[in-house]
Structures are given as structure tokens and as C-alpha cells.
Amino acid sequence: MADSVSSSSLVIPQLIVGLGNPGKNYDQTRHNVGFAAIDALASRWRIGMAENRKFQGVFGDGLASHNQKIGLLKPTTYMNLSGQSIRAVVDWYNYPHLRSGYLR
């Protein structure tokens, strides 16, 4: 089945957000599986991640597979406020498809 999917039909994301909660008491828990996923992607794609106060999170950008530009974000707000961090990145980079509400 995977063989029947053409590369032109694949959706290549511009931004991947991993959700979690800040603080030592959430480290290595199921609450931060999103942070772990972003760390794994950043490592695989060799994307440096750094604290960005403007984005209220840890952010990095670089090239993913197929040489597509990608942004990775770990909001440092609690999950219920992560939209503020995501909105800051979307507005700053002017991601066209994300601005109209296509968040998945």
C-alpha cells in the first residue's frame, strides 16, 4: 500500500510542534512525549534547537528529508497555553497554510 503513494501526494510539513510541559517534574514522563519526538527529529536532521523568548519555546529550523525547510518547536508554556507559542512562530515566519487555521 505504501508503494502506491506518490511523492507528489505527500504532505511535507513546514512546522512540527511537540507538546509537553515545562519543569523537571515532567521530564521523561508521558506528558512530554512531544518534546522527545522533537528531540529525535532534531537529532536525525541535525537541526540545532535553542531557547527563543519571542516564541515562548525552544525552536530550530533547518532541512528535513528531501531537503525541505522545516521548523521544530517545543513550547515552554504549559500545554493549555501552547497556542500562544505556535501563533508567535506562525506569525513571525508567515507560514501561509498555517495562518488560515490548518493546524494538525
N, C-alpha and C. Protein backbone atom coordinates (compact mmCIF):
# COMPACT_ATOMS: atom_id res chain seq x y z
N MET A 1 0.81 -1.19 0.00
CA MET A 1 0.00 0.00 0.00
C MET A 1 0.86 1.25 0.00
N ALA A 2 1.95 1.25 0.77
CA ALA A 2 2.82 2.41 0.82
C ALA A 2 3.47 2.67 -0.53
N ASP A 3 3.65 1.61 -1.35
CA ASP A 3 4.26 1.78 -2.65
C ASP A 3 3.37 2.57 -3.60
N SER A 4 2.06 2.57 -3.36
CA SER A 4 1.14 3.25 -4.27
C SER A 4 1.05 4.75 -4.00
N VAL A 5 1.70 5.24 -2.95
CA VAL A 5 1.65 6.66 -2.63
C VAL A 5 2.77 7.36 -3.38
N SER A 6 2.41 8.32 -4.21
CA SER A 6 3.43 9.04 -4.96
C SER A 6 3.99 10.17 -4.10
N SER A 7 5.23 10.57 -4.40
CA SER A 7 5.86 11.63 -3.61
C SER A 7 5.14 12.96 -3.79
N SER A 8 4.43 13.15 -4.90
CA SER A 8 3.70 14.39 -5.11
C SER A 8 2.45 14.49 -4.23
N SER A 9 1.99 13.35 -3.69
CA SER A 9 0.81 13.38 -2.84
C SER A 9 1.17 13.49 -1.36
N LEU A 10 2.47 13.42 -1.03
CA LEU A 10 2.89 13.53 0.36
C LEU A 10 2.77 14.98 0.83
N VAL A 11 2.32 15.14 2.05
CA VAL A 11 2.26 16.46 2.66
C VAL A 11 3.53 16.66 3.46
N ILE A 12 4.31 17.66 3.07
CA ILE A 12 5.54 17.97 3.77
C ILE A 12 5.26 19.14 4.71
N PRO A 13 5.33 18.90 6.01
CA PRO A 13 5.01 19.98 6.95
C PRO A 13 6.08 21.06 6.94
N GLN A 14 5.68 22.27 7.28
CA GLN A 14 6.62 23.39 7.40
C GLN A 14 7.03 23.58 8.85
N LEU A 15 6.17 23.14 9.77
CA LEU A 15 6.43 23.30 11.20
C LEU A 15 5.91 22.07 11.93
N ILE A 16 6.75 21.50 12.78
CA ILE A 16 6.33 20.39 13.63
C ILE A 16 6.46 20.86 15.07
N VAL A 17 5.37 20.74 15.81
CA VAL A 17 5.33 21.17 17.20
C VAL A 17 5.18 19.95 18.10
N GLY A 18 6.04 19.83 19.07
CA GLY A 18 5.94 18.77 20.05
C GLY A 18 5.47 19.35 21.37
N LEU A 19 4.34 18.87 21.85
CA LEU A 19 3.78 19.41 23.08
C LEU A 19 4.33 18.72 24.31
N GLY A 20 4.40 19.47 25.38
CA GLY A 20 4.87 18.96 26.65
C GLY A 20 4.63 20.01 27.72
N ASN A 21 5.12 19.74 28.89
CA ASN A 21 5.01 20.69 30.00
C ASN A 21 6.41 21.01 30.51
N PRO A 22 6.64 22.28 30.87
CA PRO A 22 7.96 22.66 31.38
C PRO A 22 8.16 22.15 32.81
N GLY A 23 9.40 22.06 33.19
CA GLY A 23 9.72 21.71 34.57
C GLY A 23 10.29 20.31 34.72
N LYS A 24 11.14 20.18 35.72
CA LYS A 24 11.81 18.90 35.99
C LYS A 24 10.84 17.78 36.33
N ASN A 25 9.72 18.12 36.98
CA ASN A 25 8.79 17.06 37.38
C ASN A 25 8.10 16.39 36.18
N TYR A 26 8.20 16.98 34.98
CA TYR A 26 7.61 16.37 33.79
C TYR A 26 8.65 15.70 32.89
N ASP A 27 9.95 15.88 33.20
CA ASP A 27 10.99 15.26 32.39
C ASP A 27 10.80 13.75 32.33
N GLN A 28 10.99 13.20 31.14
CA GLN A 28 10.93 11.76 30.93
C GLN A 28 9.59 11.13 31.34
N THR A 29 8.50 11.89 31.22
CA THR A 29 7.17 11.34 31.51
C THR A 29 6.36 11.32 30.23
N ARG A 30 5.23 10.67 30.28
CA ARG A 30 4.34 10.60 29.11
C ARG A 30 3.83 11.98 28.73
N HIS A 31 3.86 12.90 29.67
CA HIS A 31 3.39 14.26 29.38
C HIS A 31 4.30 14.98 28.38
N ASN A 32 5.52 14.51 28.26
CA ASN A 32 6.48 15.18 27.38
C ASN A 32 6.92 14.35 26.19
N VAL A 33 6.08 13.44 25.76
CA VAL A 33 6.42 12.62 24.60
C VAL A 33 6.59 13.50 23.35
N GLY A 34 5.88 14.60 23.27
CA GLY A 34 6.03 15.52 22.15
C GLY A 34 7.42 16.15 22.12
N PHE A 35 7.94 16.51 23.30
CA PHE A 35 9.29 17.06 23.38
C PHE A 35 10.31 16.02 22.94
N ALA A 36 10.11 14.77 23.35
CA ALA A 36 11.02 13.69 22.96
C ALA A 36 11.01 13.48 21.45
N ALA A 37 9.84 13.59 20.84
CA ALA A 37 9.74 13.43 19.38
C ALA A 37 10.51 14.55 18.67
N ILE A 38 10.38 15.77 19.14
CA ILE A 38 11.11 16.89 18.52
C ILE A 38 12.61 16.69 18.70
N ASP A 39 13.04 16.25 19.89
CA ASP A 39 14.46 16.00 20.12
C ASP A 39 14.99 14.94 19.14
N ALA A 40 14.20 13.90 18.91
CA ALA A 40 14.62 12.84 17.99
C ALA A 40 14.72 13.36 16.55
N LEU A 41 13.74 14.15 16.13
CA LEU A 41 13.79 14.72 14.78
C LEU A 41 14.96 15.68 14.63
N ALA A 42 15.16 16.53 15.62
CA ALA A 42 16.27 17.49 15.57
C ALA A 42 17.61 16.75 15.46
N SER A 43 17.74 15.67 16.20
CA SER A 43 18.97 14.89 16.14
C SER A 43 19.15 14.23 14.78
N ARG A 44 18.09 13.63 14.28
CA ARG A 44 18.16 12.94 12.98
C ARG A 44 18.48 13.89 11.84
N TRP A 45 17.85 15.07 11.87
CA TRP A 45 18.04 16.05 10.80
C TRP A 45 19.14 17.06 11.09
N ARG A 46 19.81 16.90 12.23
CA ARG A 46 20.90 17.79 12.63
C ARG A 46 20.46 19.26 12.66
N ILE A 47 19.35 19.49 13.33
CA ILE A 47 18.81 20.84 13.48
C ILE A 47 19.09 21.29 14.91
N GLY A 48 19.81 22.40 15.02
CA GLY A 48 20.10 22.95 16.34
C GLY A 48 18.86 23.59 16.95
N MET A 49 18.64 23.32 18.21
CA MET A 49 17.49 23.86 18.94
C MET A 49 18.00 24.84 19.99
N ALA A 50 17.29 25.97 20.14
CA ALA A 50 17.70 26.97 21.12
C ALA A 50 16.48 27.67 21.69
N GLU A 51 16.61 28.09 22.94
CA GLU A 51 15.55 28.86 23.60
C GLU A 51 15.30 30.14 22.81
N ASN A 52 14.03 30.43 22.55
CA ASN A 52 13.65 31.65 21.85
C ASN A 52 12.53 32.30 22.64
N ARG A 53 12.84 33.36 23.35
CA ARG A 53 11.85 34.02 24.22
C ARG A 53 10.68 34.61 23.43
N LYS A 54 10.98 35.10 22.24
CA LYS A 54 9.92 35.67 21.40
C LYS A 54 8.86 34.62 21.05
N PHE A 55 9.32 33.38 20.88
CA PHE A 55 8.41 32.28 20.53
C PHE A 55 7.90 31.54 21.75
N GLN A 56 8.35 31.91 22.93
CA GLN A 56 7.97 31.21 24.16
C GLN A 56 8.23 29.72 24.02
N GLY A 57 9.41 29.39 23.52
CA GLY A 57 9.72 27.98 23.33
C GLY A 57 11.14 27.75 22.88
N VAL A 58 11.43 26.51 22.64
CA VAL A 58 12.72 26.08 22.09
C VAL A 58 12.46 25.82 20.61
N PHE A 59 13.23 26.50 19.74
CA PHE A 59 12.95 26.46 18.31
C PHE A 59 14.23 26.20 17.53
N GLY A 60 14.08 25.52 16.42
CA GLY A 60 15.17 25.32 15.48
C GLY A 60 14.61 25.15 14.08
N ASP A 61 15.38 25.53 13.09
CA ASP A 61 14.95 25.28 11.72
C ASP A 61 16.13 24.81 10.90
N GLY A 62 15.81 24.08 9.86
CA GLY A 62 16.84 23.52 9.01
C GLY A 62 16.19 22.71 7.91
N LEU A 63 16.93 21.74 7.41
CA LEU A 63 16.43 20.92 6.31
C LEU A 63 16.10 19.53 6.81
N ALA A 64 14.91 19.07 6.46
CA ALA A 64 14.47 17.71 6.78
C ALA A 64 14.79 16.82 5.59
N SER A 65 14.23 15.63 5.59
CA SER A 65 14.43 14.75 4.45
C SER A 65 13.88 15.41 3.19
N HIS A 66 14.38 15.05 2.06
CA HIS A 66 14.01 15.63 0.76
C HIS A 66 14.42 17.10 0.68
N ASN A 67 15.34 17.54 1.53
CA ASN A 67 15.85 18.92 1.54
C ASN A 67 14.74 19.97 1.66
N GLN A 68 13.70 19.64 2.40
CA GLN A 68 12.60 20.58 2.65
C GLN A 68 12.90 21.36 3.92
N LYS A 69 12.72 22.68 3.87
CA LYS A 69 12.91 23.52 5.05
C LYS A 69 11.81 23.19 6.07
N ILE A 70 12.23 23.06 7.33
CA ILE A 70 11.30 22.66 8.39
C ILE A 70 11.65 23.42 9.67
N GLY A 71 10.62 23.76 10.42
CA GLY A 71 10.80 24.35 11.74
C GLY A 71 10.34 23.35 12.79
N LEU A 72 11.08 23.29 13.89
CA LEU A 72 10.73 22.41 15.01
C LEU A 72 10.53 23.29 16.25
N LEU A 73 9.46 23.03 16.98
CA LEU A 73 9.13 23.87 18.13
C LEU A 73 8.72 23.03 19.33
N LYS A 74 9.28 23.38 20.49
CA LYS A 74 8.85 22.82 21.77
C LYS A 74 8.39 24.02 22.61
N PRO A 75 7.09 24.28 22.69
CA PRO A 75 6.62 25.41 23.51
C PRO A 75 7.02 25.21 24.97
N THR A 76 7.46 26.29 25.61
CA THR A 76 7.83 26.20 27.02
C THR A 76 6.70 26.72 27.91
N THR A 77 5.55 26.89 27.32
CA THR A 77 4.34 27.19 28.08
C THR A 77 3.73 25.85 28.49
N TYR A 78 2.79 25.85 29.39
CA TYR A 78 2.06 24.60 29.64
C TYR A 78 1.18 24.30 28.43
N MET A 79 0.78 23.06 28.27
CA MET A 79 0.04 22.63 27.08
C MET A 79 -1.16 23.50 26.77
N ASN A 80 -1.90 23.90 27.79
CA ASN A 80 -3.11 24.67 27.53
C ASN A 80 -2.81 26.08 27.02
N LEU A 81 -1.54 26.51 27.07
CA LEU A 81 -1.16 27.82 26.53
C LEU A 81 -0.23 27.69 25.32
N SER A 82 -0.06 26.49 24.79
CA SER A 82 0.88 26.27 23.69
C SER A 82 0.49 27.01 22.42
N GLY A 83 -0.78 27.33 22.27
CA GLY A 83 -1.22 28.08 21.10
C GLY A 83 -0.54 29.43 20.98
N GLN A 84 -0.20 30.05 22.10
CA GLN A 84 0.49 31.34 22.07
C GLN A 84 1.86 31.20 21.43
N SER A 85 2.57 30.14 21.78
CA SER A 85 3.88 29.88 21.22
C SER A 85 3.79 29.56 19.72
N ILE A 86 2.85 28.72 19.37
CA ILE A 86 2.66 28.34 17.97
C ILE A 86 2.30 29.57 17.15
N ARG A 87 1.39 30.39 17.65
CA ARG A 87 0.97 31.61 16.93
C ARG A 87 2.16 32.54 16.70
N ALA A 88 3.04 32.68 17.69
CA ALA A 88 4.20 33.56 17.55
C ALA A 88 5.11 33.09 16.41
N VAL A 89 5.34 31.77 16.30
CA VAL A 89 6.17 31.23 15.22
C VAL A 89 5.48 31.40 13.87
N VAL A 90 4.20 31.06 13.81
CA VAL A 90 3.44 31.16 12.55
C VAL A 90 3.43 32.60 12.05
N ASP A 91 3.21 33.54 12.94
CA ASP A 91 3.19 34.94 12.54
C ASP A 91 4.57 35.42 12.10
N TRP A 92 5.62 35.06 12.84
CA TRP A 92 6.98 35.51 12.52
C TRP A 92 7.44 34.99 11.16
N TYR A 93 7.21 33.70 10.90
CA TYR A 93 7.65 33.09 9.64
C TYR A 93 6.61 33.19 8.53
N ASN A 94 5.45 33.69 8.87
CA ASN A 94 4.38 33.89 7.89
C ASN A 94 4.09 32.61 7.09
N TYR A 95 3.94 31.51 7.82
CA TYR A 95 3.59 30.25 7.17
C TYR A 95 2.21 30.41 6.54
N PRO A 96 2.11 30.39 5.21
CA PRO A 96 0.83 30.69 4.56
C PRO A 96 -0.28 29.71 4.89
N HIS A 97 0.01 28.42 4.91
CA HIS A 97 -1.05 27.43 5.14
C HIS A 97 -1.46 27.37 6.61
N LEU A 98 -0.57 27.71 7.50
CA LEU A 98 -0.89 27.67 8.92
C LEU A 98 -1.68 28.90 9.36
N ARG A 99 -1.47 30.02 8.69
CA ARG A 99 -2.17 31.25 9.07
C ARG A 99 -3.68 31.11 8.92
N SER A 100 -4.12 30.29 7.97
CA SER A 100 -5.56 30.17 7.77
C SER A 100 -6.21 29.10 8.63
N GLY A 101 -5.48 28.57 9.60
CA GLY A 101 -6.08 27.67 10.55
C GLY A 101 -5.92 26.20 10.27
N TYR A 102 -4.99 25.81 9.42
CA TYR A 102 -4.79 24.41 9.11
C TYR A 102 -3.77 23.78 10.06
N LEU A 103 -4.09 23.75 11.32
CA LEU A 103 -3.21 23.13 12.29
C LEU A 103 -3.63 21.69 12.50
N ARG A 104 -2.67 20.78 12.46
CA ARG A 104 -2.95 19.36 12.68
C ARG A 104 -2.06 18.83 13.75
